[in-house]
Protein backbone atom coordinates (compact mmCIF):
# COMPACT_ATOMS: atom_id res chain seq x y z
CA ASN A 1 -1.37 84.17 -31.89
CA ASN A 2 0.89 84.60 -28.98
CA ILE A 3 0.50 87.47 -26.73
CA GLN A 4 3.13 90.01 -27.19
CA GLU A 5 4.79 91.00 -23.68
CA PRO A 6 7.75 93.18 -22.88
CA SER A 7 11.13 91.63 -23.58
CA VAL A 8 12.84 90.55 -20.31
CA GLU A 9 15.78 88.23 -19.10
CA ASN A 10 15.27 85.88 -16.56
CA THR A 11 12.14 87.88 -15.13
CA ALA A 12 10.91 84.57 -13.26
CA THR A 13 13.92 84.52 -10.75
CA ASP A 14 14.19 88.53 -10.72
CA TYR A 15 11.73 89.13 -7.63
CA ASP A 16 13.26 86.10 -5.81
CA ALA A 17 16.84 87.33 -6.32
CA ALA A 18 15.98 90.76 -5.41
CA THR A 19 14.22 89.99 -1.97
CA SER A 20 16.71 87.10 -1.19
CA PHE A 21 18.39 89.05 1.21
CA LEU A 22 15.50 89.02 3.43
CA GLY A 23 16.26 85.14 4.60
CA LYS A 24 14.01 82.45 4.43
CA TRP A 25 12.16 82.57 7.89
CA GLY A 26 12.56 85.93 9.56
CA ARG A 27 9.89 87.47 11.67
CA PHE A 28 8.26 88.90 8.51
CA GLN A 29 7.71 85.48 7.01
CA ARG A 30 6.60 83.82 10.11
CA ARG A 31 3.96 86.64 10.86
CA VAL A 32 2.64 86.48 7.11
CA PHE A 33 2.54 82.63 7.00
CA PHE A 34 0.43 82.26 10.41
CA LEU A 35 -1.86 85.15 9.83
CA LEU A 36 -2.81 84.18 6.57
CA CYS A 37 -3.20 80.44 7.60
CA LEU A 38 -5.34 81.60 10.49
CA SER A 39 -7.78 83.59 8.23
CA VAL A 40 -8.97 80.31 6.42
CA VAL A 41 -9.84 78.70 9.70
CA PRO A 42 -13.29 80.37 9.30
CA ASP A 43 -13.41 79.01 5.59
CA GLY A 44 -13.05 75.20 7.13
CA LEU A 45 -15.92 75.80 9.56
CA THR A 46 -18.08 76.97 6.63
CA ALA A 47 -17.31 74.48 4.00
CA PHE A 48 -19.24 71.65 5.46
CA LEU A 49 -21.46 73.48 7.77
CA ILE A 50 -24.55 72.07 5.93
CA VAL A 51 -23.87 68.51 7.13
CA PHE A 52 -25.37 69.74 10.49
CA LEU A 53 -27.71 72.78 9.13
CA ALA A 54 -29.53 70.28 6.48
CA ASP A 55 -29.15 67.10 8.35
CA THR A 56 -32.55 64.97 8.34
CA PRO A 57 -33.36 63.49 11.56
CA ALA A 58 -35.76 60.50 11.84
CA HIS A 59 -39.21 61.38 11.29
CA ARG A 60 -42.67 59.85 10.65
CA CYS A 61 -46.17 61.34 10.05
CA LEU A 62 -47.56 63.24 12.81
CA LEU A 63 -50.71 62.31 14.25
CA PRO A 64 -53.11 64.95 15.57
CA ALA A 65 -53.29 64.66 19.49
CA HIS A 66 -56.81 64.89 19.64
CA LEU A 67 -57.71 61.82 17.57
CA ASN A 68 -59.53 58.94 19.48
CA LEU A 69 -57.20 56.08 18.41
CA SER A 70 -56.34 53.13 20.84
CA ALA A 71 -52.62 52.75 21.61
CA ALA A 72 -52.41 49.56 19.43
CA TRP A 73 -53.59 51.54 16.27
CA ARG A 74 -51.28 54.73 17.30
CA ASN A 75 -48.41 52.19 17.15
CA SER A 76 -49.60 50.61 14.01
CA SER A 77 -50.29 53.68 11.95
CA ILE A 78 -47.20 53.88 9.98
CA PRO A 79 -46.73 51.51 7.27
CA LEU A 80 -43.41 49.48 6.67
CA GLU A 81 -41.25 50.21 3.60
CA GLU A 82 -37.94 48.79 2.07
CA ASP A 83 -35.22 51.36 2.22
CA ALA A 84 -32.75 50.90 -0.66
CA SER A 85 -29.93 53.13 1.08
CA ARG A 86 -30.04 50.56 3.90
CA GLY A 87 -29.56 47.66 1.92
CA GLY A 88 -33.45 46.76 1.49
CA ALA A 89 -34.36 46.60 5.20
CA SER A 90 -37.82 47.34 6.36
CA GLU A 91 -38.68 50.23 8.41
CA PRO A 92 -41.73 52.49 9.14
CA SER A 93 -42.38 54.68 6.53
CA ARG A 94 -41.19 58.48 6.71
CA CYS A 95 -43.63 59.87 4.06
CA SER A 96 -46.91 58.10 4.60
CA ARG A 97 -49.42 56.71 7.04
CA TYR A 98 -52.50 54.74 7.12
CA LYS A 99 -55.58 56.47 6.14
CA LEU A 100 -57.08 58.17 9.45
CA GLU A 101 -60.63 57.47 8.69
CA HIS A 102 -59.92 53.71 8.47
CA LEU A 103 -57.76 53.55 11.59
CA LEU A 104 -60.50 55.38 13.36
CA ASN A 105 -63.25 52.96 12.19
CA TYR A 106 -61.03 49.81 13.33
CA SER A 107 -60.31 51.58 16.48
CA ASP A 108 -64.03 52.28 17.42
CA ARG A 109 -65.01 48.82 16.46
CA GLY A 110 -62.37 47.42 18.84
CA LEU A 111 -60.30 45.58 15.91
CA LEU A 112 -56.70 44.80 16.53
CA PRO A 113 -54.15 45.51 13.75
CA GLY A 114 -52.58 42.21 12.62
CA VAL A 115 -54.99 40.14 14.33
CA ASP A 116 -58.43 41.36 13.14
CA VAL A 117 -57.12 43.56 10.08
CA ASN A 118 -54.59 42.73 7.50
CA LEU A 119 -52.57 45.81 7.27
CA SER A 120 -51.53 45.43 3.90
CA THR A 121 -55.20 45.92 2.80
CA VAL A 122 -55.45 49.19 4.51
CA PRO A 123 -54.99 52.32 1.99
CA THR A 124 -52.39 54.83 2.77
CA GLU A 125 -51.89 58.66 2.43
CA GLY A 126 -49.29 61.25 2.95
CA CYS A 127 -48.49 63.13 5.95
CA LEU A 128 -51.35 65.44 5.73
CA ASP A 129 -50.71 67.04 9.38
CA GLY A 130 -47.02 67.25 9.13
CA TRP A 131 -44.08 65.32 10.43
CA GLN A 132 -42.94 64.27 13.83
CA PHE A 133 -39.21 64.79 13.90
CA ASP A 134 -36.82 62.91 16.53
CA HIS A 135 -35.05 65.57 18.46
CA SER A 136 -32.63 63.41 20.22
CA VAL A 137 -29.64 64.59 18.23
CA TYR A 138 -30.70 68.06 16.94
CA THR A 139 -33.07 70.56 18.61
CA SER A 140 -33.74 72.05 15.30
CA THR A 141 -32.07 72.01 11.37
CA ILE A 142 -33.43 73.77 8.46
CA VAL A 143 -35.28 70.31 7.73
CA THR A 144 -37.32 70.39 10.54
CA GLU A 145 -37.92 74.28 10.65
CA TRP A 146 -39.36 74.14 6.96
CA ASN A 147 -40.20 70.32 6.67
CA LEU A 148 -37.75 69.66 3.76
CA VAL A 149 -38.61 65.89 3.66
CA CYS A 150 -40.82 63.63 1.33
CA GLY A 151 -41.89 65.72 -1.52
CA GLU A 152 -39.71 68.61 -0.48
CA SER A 153 -36.78 66.47 -0.10
CA TRP A 154 -35.32 67.87 -3.21
CA LYS A 155 -34.53 71.21 -1.74
CA ASN A 156 -31.99 69.50 0.65
CA PRO A 157 -29.23 68.85 -2.04
CA LEU A 158 -30.18 71.81 -3.70
CA THR A 159 -29.34 73.90 -0.60
CA THR A 160 -26.06 72.75 -1.04
CA SER A 161 -25.82 73.16 -4.60
CA ILE A 162 -26.60 76.76 -4.18
CA PHE A 163 -23.91 77.36 -1.62
CA PHE A 164 -21.22 75.95 -4.20
CA CYS A 165 -22.99 78.21 -7.06
CA GLY A 166 -22.02 81.03 -4.71
CA VAL A 167 -18.38 79.55 -4.51
CA LEU A 168 -18.41 79.32 -8.42
CA ALA A 169 -19.42 83.03 -8.54
CA GLY A 170 -16.95 84.15 -6.08
CA ALA A 171 -14.15 82.07 -7.56
CA LEU A 172 -14.84 83.89 -10.95
CA ILE A 173 -15.19 87.42 -9.35
CA SER A 174 -12.62 87.46 -6.91
CA GLY A 175 -9.83 86.23 -9.11
CA GLN A 176 -10.37 88.85 -11.51
CA LEU A 177 -11.00 91.75 -8.90
CA SER A 178 -7.85 90.81 -6.75
CA ASP A 179 -5.90 90.88 -10.18
CA ARG A 180 -6.96 94.54 -10.91
CA PHE A 181 -7.51 95.83 -7.43
CA GLY A 182 -5.16 94.08 -5.19
CA ARG A 183 -4.78 90.80 -2.96
CA LYS A 184 -5.10 92.25 0.46
CA ILE A 185 -8.36 94.56 -0.06
CA MET A 186 -10.35 91.65 -1.54
CA MET A 187 -9.04 89.12 1.08
CA PHE A 188 -10.50 91.43 4.16
CA SER A 189 -13.57 92.48 1.91
CA THR A 190 -14.67 88.85 1.81
CA ILE A 191 -13.99 87.92 5.04
CA ALA A 192 -16.16 91.00 6.14
CA LEU A 193 -18.78 89.72 3.42
CA GLN A 194 -18.90 86.37 5.39
CA ALA A 195 -19.55 87.82 8.72
CA VAL A 196 -22.25 90.01 7.95
CA THR A 197 -24.03 87.87 5.60
CA ARG A 198 -24.00 84.77 8.21
CA PHE A 199 -25.43 87.17 10.87
CA ILE A 200 -28.22 88.14 8.61
CA GLN A 201 -28.60 84.41 7.85
CA VAL A 202 -29.46 83.85 11.26
CA PHE A 203 -32.68 85.65 11.03
CA SER A 204 -33.88 83.76 7.60
CA PRO A 205 -37.72 83.79 7.68
CA ASN A 206 -37.99 81.05 5.11
CA TRP A 207 -35.82 78.46 3.12
CA ILE A 208 -35.56 80.76 -0.15
CA VAL A 209 -34.21 83.79 1.88
CA PHE A 210 -31.92 81.16 3.61
CA CYS A 211 -30.39 80.06 0.09
CA ALA A 212 -30.16 83.56 -1.31
CA LEU A 213 -28.02 84.36 1.72
CA TYR A 214 -26.00 81.30 1.56
CA PHE A 215 -25.26 81.72 -1.85
CA VAL A 216 -23.38 85.30 -0.68
CA VAL A 217 -21.67 83.01 2.01
CA GLY A 218 -20.37 80.70 -0.71
CA MET A 219 -19.12 83.77 -2.60
CA GLY A 220 -17.17 85.05 0.44
CA GLN A 221 -15.81 81.77 1.81
CA ILE A 222 -14.04 80.55 -1.50
CA SER A 223 -12.86 84.33 -2.38
CA ASN A 224 -11.25 84.43 1.12
CA TYR A 225 -9.47 81.23 0.80
CA LEU A 226 -8.39 81.82 -2.90
CA VAL A 227 -6.96 85.23 -2.53
CA ALA A 228 -5.11 84.22 0.92
CA PHE A 229 -3.76 81.40 -1.04
CA VAL A 230 -2.24 83.41 -3.84
CA LEU A 231 -1.26 86.16 -1.37
CA GLY A 232 1.16 83.76 0.66
CA THR A 233 2.19 82.03 -2.44
CA GLU A 234 3.45 85.56 -4.05
CA VAL A 235 4.81 86.91 -0.51
CA LEU A 236 6.71 83.90 0.72
CA GLY A 237 10.17 82.59 -0.60
CA PHE A 238 10.44 79.23 -2.40
CA HIS A 239 10.88 76.78 0.37
CA ILE A 240 8.29 78.57 2.60
CA ARG A 241 5.95 78.89 -0.08
CA THR A 242 5.87 75.27 -0.65
CA ILE A 243 4.92 74.42 2.87
CA PHE A 244 2.52 77.24 3.10
CA SER A 245 0.73 75.97 -0.19
CA THR A 246 0.45 72.31 0.35
CA ALA A 247 0.53 72.18 4.19
CA GLY A 248 0.21 75.47 5.93
CA VAL A 249 -3.15 76.92 4.59
CA THR A 250 -4.53 73.45 4.06
CA LEU A 251 -3.73 72.36 7.87
CA PHE A 252 -5.52 75.32 9.24
CA PHE A 253 -8.65 74.80 6.66
CA GLY A 254 -8.50 71.19 8.48
CA ALA A 255 -8.43 72.71 11.82
CA GLY A 256 -11.54 74.80 11.10
CA TYR A 257 -13.21 71.58 9.70
CA MET A 258 -12.36 69.71 12.82
CA LEU A 259 -13.64 72.34 15.10
CA LEU A 260 -17.01 72.01 13.16
CA PRO A 261 -18.48 68.88 14.71
CA LEU A 262 -17.21 70.18 18.12
CA PHE A 263 -19.31 73.44 17.74
CA ALA A 264 -22.16 71.30 16.18
CA PHE A 265 -22.32 68.85 19.25
CA TYR A 266 -22.64 71.65 21.98
CA ILE A 267 -24.83 73.96 19.82
CA THR A 268 -27.84 71.61 18.52
CA ASP A 269 -29.93 74.86 17.19
CA TRP A 270 -29.12 75.82 13.71
CA ARG A 271 -29.69 79.54 14.28
CA THR A 272 -27.48 79.66 17.33
CA LEU A 273 -24.78 77.41 15.60
CA LEU A 274 -24.74 80.18 12.60
CA LEU A 275 -24.34 82.85 15.28
CA ALA A 276 -21.49 81.29 17.01
CA LEU A 277 -19.64 80.44 13.74
CA MET A 278 -19.91 84.05 12.61
CA ILE A 279 -17.31 85.11 15.66
CA PRO A 280 -14.09 83.69 13.90
CA SER A 281 -14.46 85.70 10.82
CA TRP A 282 -14.95 88.88 12.87
CA LEU A 283 -11.61 87.88 14.85
CA CYS A 284 -9.94 87.94 11.38
CA LEU A 285 -10.52 91.53 10.48
CA PRO A 286 -7.97 93.41 12.68
CA PHE A 287 -5.40 91.19 10.61
CA TRP A 288 -5.61 94.22 8.09
CA TRP A 289 -3.07 95.99 10.01
CA PHE A 290 -0.47 93.19 10.06
CA VAL A 291 -0.95 91.44 6.52
CA PRO A 292 0.98 93.56 3.52
CA GLU A 293 -0.16 93.74 -0.04
CA SER A 294 1.56 91.33 -2.62
CA PRO A 295 4.97 93.14 -3.85
CA ARG A 296 4.49 90.86 -6.88
CA TRP A 297 1.25 92.22 -7.82
CA LEU A 298 2.45 95.62 -7.09
CA LEU A 299 5.31 95.36 -9.37
CA SER A 300 2.92 93.64 -12.02
CA GLN A 301 1.10 97.00 -11.80
CA GLY A 302 4.43 99.14 -12.19
CA ARG A 303 3.94 100.18 -8.50
CA ILE A 304 7.58 99.71 -7.88
CA GLU A 305 7.82 102.41 -4.66
CA GLU A 306 5.29 100.68 -2.75
CA ALA A 307 6.67 97.10 -3.35
CA GLU A 308 10.01 98.42 -2.03
CA ALA A 309 8.57 99.99 0.84
CA ILE A 310 6.93 96.73 1.86
CA ILE A 311 10.11 94.87 1.42
CA ARG A 312 12.09 97.49 3.40
CA GLU A 313 9.49 97.32 6.20
CA ALA A 314 10.27 93.40 6.11
CA ALA A 315 13.74 93.94 6.06
CA GLU A 316 13.43 96.10 9.22
CA MET A 317 11.17 93.54 10.67
CA ASN A 318 13.93 90.84 10.17
CA ASN A 319 16.79 93.17 11.54
CA ILE A 320 18.20 93.15 8.07
CA GLU A 321 19.94 96.04 6.10
CA PRO A 322 18.19 96.24 2.52
CA PRO A 323 20.24 97.30 -0.28
CA ALA A 324 19.86 100.88 -1.58
CA VAL A 325 17.97 99.65 -4.88
CA ILE A 326 15.65 96.47 -4.53
CA PHE A 327 13.80 96.88 -7.77
CA THR A 328 14.56 98.34 -11.05
CA PRO A 329 12.26 100.37 -13.36
CA LEU A 330 12.22 97.40 -15.82
CA GLN A 331 11.74 94.75 -12.90
CA ASN A 332 9.14 92.19 -13.70
CA GLY A 333 9.24 93.17 -17.38
CA VAL A 334 6.96 95.69 -16.99
CA LYS A 335 7.77 99.23 -18.82
CA ALA A 336 5.77 102.46 -18.52
CA GLY A 337 3.05 102.63 -21.03
CA GLU A 338 3.37 98.92 -21.81
CA ARG A 339 1.59 97.42 -19.10
CA ARG A 340 -2.07 95.75 -19.99
CA THR A 341 -4.72 94.57 -18.01
CA TYR A 342 -5.25 90.55 -18.16
CA ASN A 343 -8.64 88.75 -17.63
CA ILE A 344 -10.16 85.52 -17.84
CA CYS A 345 -10.16 85.47 -21.56
CA ASP A 346 -6.28 85.28 -21.61
CA LEU A 347 -6.32 81.93 -20.37
CA LEU A 348 -7.93 80.56 -23.72
CA ARG A 349 -5.98 83.26 -25.99
CA SER A 350 -3.06 81.15 -27.15
CA PRO A 351 -2.95 77.23 -27.64
CA ASN A 352 -0.27 76.53 -24.86
CA ILE A 353 -2.12 78.32 -21.91
CA ARG A 354 -5.42 77.06 -23.58
CA TRP A 355 -4.97 73.22 -23.42
CA THR A 356 -3.24 73.77 -19.73
CA SER A 357 -6.19 75.48 -18.57
CA ILE A 358 -8.83 73.06 -20.09
CA THR A 359 -6.88 70.04 -18.73
CA LEU A 360 -6.78 71.67 -15.33
CA TRP A 361 -10.36 72.36 -15.31
CA VAL A 362 -11.22 68.85 -15.92
CA ILE A 363 -8.77 67.68 -13.19
CA TRP A 364 -10.25 70.42 -10.77
CA ASN A 365 -13.74 69.48 -11.46
CA THR A 366 -13.33 65.78 -10.80
CA VAL A 367 -11.27 66.31 -7.66
CA ASN A 368 -14.04 68.57 -6.38
CA VAL A 369 -16.62 65.87 -7.13
CA ALA A 370 -15.02 63.16 -5.23
CA TYR A 371 -13.79 65.62 -2.31
CA PHE A 372 -17.14 67.26 -1.38
CA ALA A 373 -19.35 64.01 -2.16
CA LEU A 374 -17.20 61.98 0.47
CA SER A 375 -17.26 64.88 2.79
CA LEU A 376 -20.95 65.37 2.79
CA ASN A 377 -21.76 61.75 2.98
CA THR A 378 -20.42 61.44 6.29
CA ALA A 379 -24.09 61.68 7.92
CA ASN A 380 -24.93 58.90 6.15
CA LEU A 381 -22.09 56.56 7.27
CA HIS A 382 -22.57 53.81 9.92
CA GLY A 383 -22.28 55.56 13.51
CA ASN A 384 -22.66 58.79 15.02
CA ALA A 385 -22.62 61.97 12.72
CA TYR A 386 -20.53 64.05 14.71
CA PHE A 387 -17.73 61.50 15.21
CA ASN A 388 -17.79 60.74 11.41
CA CYS A 389 -17.59 64.38 10.50
CA PHE A 390 -14.41 64.56 12.87
CA LEU A 391 -12.74 61.44 11.53
CA SER A 392 -13.45 62.86 8.03
CA ALA A 393 -11.56 66.07 9.01
CA THR A 394 -8.85 64.31 11.04
CA VAL A 395 -7.76 62.16 7.80
CA GLU A 396 -7.14 65.38 6.06
CA MET A 397 -4.31 66.37 8.45
CA PRO A 398 -1.91 63.70 7.46
CA ALA A 399 -3.09 63.89 3.84
CA TYR A 400 -1.99 67.43 3.90
CA VAL A 401 1.34 66.49 5.43
CA LEU A 402 1.75 63.76 2.70
CA SER A 403 0.92 66.62 0.22
CA TRP A 404 3.64 68.81 1.53
CA VAL A 405 6.23 65.74 1.45
CA MET A 406 5.33 64.69 -2.03
CA PHE A 407 5.14 68.51 -3.25
CA ARG A 408 8.88 68.96 -1.64
CA TRP A 409 10.69 66.19 -3.04
CA CYS A 410 8.41 64.49 -5.75
CA SER A 411 7.30 65.26 -9.45
CA ARG A 412 4.16 67.35 -9.42
CA ARG A 413 2.63 65.34 -12.36
CA MET A 414 3.33 62.02 -10.64
CA SER A 415 2.03 63.15 -7.30
CA VAL A 416 -1.23 63.97 -8.74
CA PHE A 417 -1.26 60.91 -10.99
CA ALA A 418 -0.50 58.69 -7.98
CA SER A 419 -3.05 60.39 -5.49
CA LEU A 420 -6.28 60.39 -8.19
CA SER A 421 -5.51 56.78 -9.37
CA SER A 422 -5.66 55.92 -5.49
CA VAL A 423 -8.87 57.39 -5.16
CA GLY A 424 -10.34 55.48 -8.18
CA LEU A 425 -9.15 52.23 -6.97
CA LEU A 426 -10.46 52.46 -3.50
CA LEU A 427 -13.75 53.78 -4.96
CA PHE A 428 -14.07 50.91 -7.11
CA ILE A 429 -13.39 48.51 -4.24
CA ILE A 430 -16.11 50.02 -1.99
CA GLN A 431 -18.92 48.72 -4.20
CA LEU A 432 -17.67 45.13 -3.52
CA VAL A 433 -18.16 45.58 0.23
CA PRO A 434 -21.50 43.55 1.56
CA ALA A 435 -23.94 46.00 3.09
CA ARG A 436 -23.52 43.93 6.55
CA MET A 437 -19.84 45.18 6.59
CA SER A 438 -20.74 48.93 7.27
CA PRO A 439 -17.50 49.42 9.51
CA LEU A 440 -15.22 48.38 6.53
CA PHE A 441 -17.40 50.37 3.96
CA ALA A 442 -16.53 53.49 6.24
CA GLU A 443 -12.95 52.78 6.53
CA LEU A 444 -12.62 52.65 2.90
CA ILE A 445 -14.61 55.56 2.42
CA MET A 446 -12.00 57.51 5.03
CA MET A 447 -9.05 55.96 2.95
CA GLY A 448 -10.58 57.68 -0.23
CA LYS A 449 -10.98 60.92 1.72
CA PHE A 450 -7.36 60.78 2.43
CA ALA A 451 -6.31 60.21 -1.19
CA VAL A 452 -8.68 62.89 -2.63
CA THR A 453 -7.57 65.37 0.00
CA THR A 454 -3.94 64.79 -0.83
CA ALA A 455 -4.72 65.32 -4.70
CA PHE A 456 -6.74 68.61 -3.70
CA SER A 457 -3.94 70.06 -1.74
CA ILE A 458 -1.38 69.15 -4.55
CA VAL A 459 -3.38 70.56 -7.51
CA TYR A 460 -4.09 73.77 -5.75
CA ALA A 461 -0.21 74.42 -5.29
CA TYR A 462 0.68 72.98 -8.47
CA THR A 463 -1.91 75.29 -10.53
CA ALA A 464 -0.28 78.26 -8.61
CA GLU A 465 3.07 77.22 -9.88
CA LEU A 466 2.02 76.78 -13.61
CA TYR A 467 0.77 80.12 -14.15
CA PRO A 468 2.45 83.59 -14.34
CA THR A 469 1.97 86.39 -11.93
CA VAL A 470 0.27 88.53 -14.24
CA LEU A 471 -2.92 85.86 -14.38
CA ARG A 472 -2.31 83.68 -11.24
CA ASN A 473 -5.12 84.75 -9.26
CA THR A 474 -7.16 84.87 -12.22
CA ALA A 475 -6.20 81.37 -13.29
CA VAL A 476 -6.51 79.82 -9.79
CA GLY A 477 -9.88 81.47 -9.69
CA ALA A 478 -10.93 80.31 -13.13
CA CYS A 479 -10.01 76.53 -12.10
CA SER A 480 -11.78 76.90 -8.67
CA MET A 481 -14.67 78.21 -10.91
CA ALA A 482 -14.72 75.48 -13.36
CA SER A 483 -14.34 73.04 -10.39
CA ARG A 484 -17.87 74.16 -8.90
CA ILE A 485 -19.51 72.33 -11.40
CA GLY A 486 -18.17 69.19 -9.57
CA SER A 487 -19.15 70.57 -6.08
CA ILE A 488 -22.72 71.55 -7.24
CA THR A 489 -23.57 68.31 -8.60
CA ALA A 490 -21.80 66.44 -5.54
CA PRO A 491 -24.85 66.42 -3.29
CA PHE A 492 -26.89 64.69 -5.80
CA PHE A 493 -24.17 62.08 -6.51
CA ILE A 494 -25.13 61.17 -2.67
CA TYR A 495 -28.50 61.28 -3.48
CA LEU A 496 -28.15 58.80 -6.17
CA ARG A 497 -27.54 56.25 -3.21
CA THR A 498 -31.20 56.14 -2.76
CA TYR A 499 -31.61 54.00 -5.89
CA SER A 500 -28.26 52.18 -5.71
CA VAL A 501 -25.64 52.50 -3.10
CA SER A 502 -22.66 51.58 -5.35
CA LEU A 503 -23.53 53.89 -8.42
CA PRO A 504 -22.17 57.15 -6.72
CA TYR A 505 -18.59 55.23 -6.06
CA ILE A 506 -18.86 53.63 -9.73
CA LEU A 507 -19.20 57.22 -11.22
CA MET A 508 -16.65 58.96 -8.80
CA GLY A 509 -13.93 55.95 -9.40
CA SER A 510 -14.15 56.25 -13.02
CA LEU A 511 -13.71 59.99 -13.17
CA THR A 512 -10.83 60.15 -10.57
CA THR A 513 -9.24 57.42 -12.80
CA MET A 514 -9.61 59.47 -16.12
CA ALA A 515 -8.20 62.58 -14.34
CA GLY A 516 -5.36 61.00 -13.02
CA LEU A 517 -4.23 59.95 -16.32
CA LEU A 518 -5.04 63.58 -18.12
CA SER A 519 -2.53 65.01 -15.25
CA LEU A 520 0.35 63.13 -16.99
CA LEU A 521 0.06 65.63 -19.83
CA LEU A 522 0.65 68.70 -17.86
CA PRO A 523 3.98 70.61 -17.80
CA GLU A 524 6.37 69.81 -14.70
CA SER A 525 6.89 72.70 -12.43
CA PHE A 526 9.03 70.85 -9.80
CA GLY A 527 12.06 73.02 -8.82
CA ILE A 528 11.45 75.78 -11.60
CA PRO A 529 10.82 79.59 -10.38
CA LEU A 530 7.40 80.99 -10.82
CA PRO A 531 6.79 82.38 -14.02
CA GLU A 532 5.99 86.16 -14.12
CA THR A 533 4.52 86.68 -17.70
CA ILE A 534 2.80 84.55 -20.19
CA SER A 535 5.74 83.87 -22.33
CA HIS A 536 7.53 82.02 -19.25
CA MET A 537 4.95 79.51 -18.92
CA GLN A 538 6.01 75.95 -19.90
CA GLN A 539 5.03 74.13 -22.97
CA PHE A 540 2.10 71.64 -23.04
CA PRO A 541 2.06 68.78 -23.14
CA GLY A 542 4.99 68.55 -20.68
């Protein structure tokens, strides 16, 4: 049963035709474009902050300073163990030590380790007195502060997953709230939410409080990004909209991501780092007075006078004389008394929109698994963690440019298929690289990151084009929400490398290849105006 909506001809092109007199790139469009792009820079700083907040420095069991042990026995107090994540190489254990009572006995008797005593026969015990961490890179992280190692190491990936649970909740709530109350108020509410919550998080007394607040930060981060993305898509004209959705907002997000390792390099205490990264969010709040509400959304709510007022102000800013009447009372297919409120259930109500939504949810979920797993894995790659994070952010820049080129001139379906298939191929090749060739391993990881970032950018913009105005923000939010299953599980994909280095890449390669094939079923939206109502959506399969 299809949803019955008001009959209207060519409503998809009504808004674009009615506002075409504004031009493509006037002062109004430039202001909206750059302010919305700047508003997502704090999101880039936040998205992968956990790479430095929860990095695990080298550590070993702490030996009490008052112990009367000889230097030889102090240096030999930690047993050697094989590390599966490092190709089976032996290194000092991070979670056990030889029993102190035996070491004290041997030391008092003047026996030497490895000469008079076979260390393989000495019993071991856990780190009963805590851990000694290497502070050469970090002054402190949440791992060193709350000892999230060994038996508590499961809390590390869980911290990241809790953040992405917040992202999931934010994607669901913000989409429906912004479709009901407006894009602008939701965008700035979530910017303020991020700033305030991050300030409170600085004073977290324990891991549980930190995670609860990190959940809220995740809600604010994705909500701001999604609403700003949809707002720009609806306000800007077709050609500028394509640049904004595929390159503009993503390049500024990438710029925030690139700034993150710079902040972390100079601020090595996690609390001070959080405090510093709160400032960009506060700086975005004054944008309220310069960013308009979406006229498309106002029209979908029947608020024609308010939509016209925004367009007239834009015309004045662009030094253009507007026509006497911009929107008619029937514009956008809305009649008085016939308006209805849409929600996430409408994404499953009719077969056409249902299968489009389910297919996009699977694709978004897979892209998120690969994107976040490869991004969060930078601390485990060969070389400096700060440089690896910066390199991971830098490869996103040409990926965003490529996504704009593909989105501007290529089929949407083929663009998604090509980028996801490339990710799958590269991830399958990675498992064939010998452990001794770690630089080549890192290069293939970065190439995979480049391909999955291209796919990520295209899928975002493609989704916004497939859904109508009355459901667009809810649909993008629902896709983002569904994809959070991928981002929530991504930290545990990385955790699998403790058992087998190649296992995460085999799983991710299989998933991305499958998603690439599924993308061929979606409708094509290249060169087609944005639909305004559900009845104007294209048919599935394409």
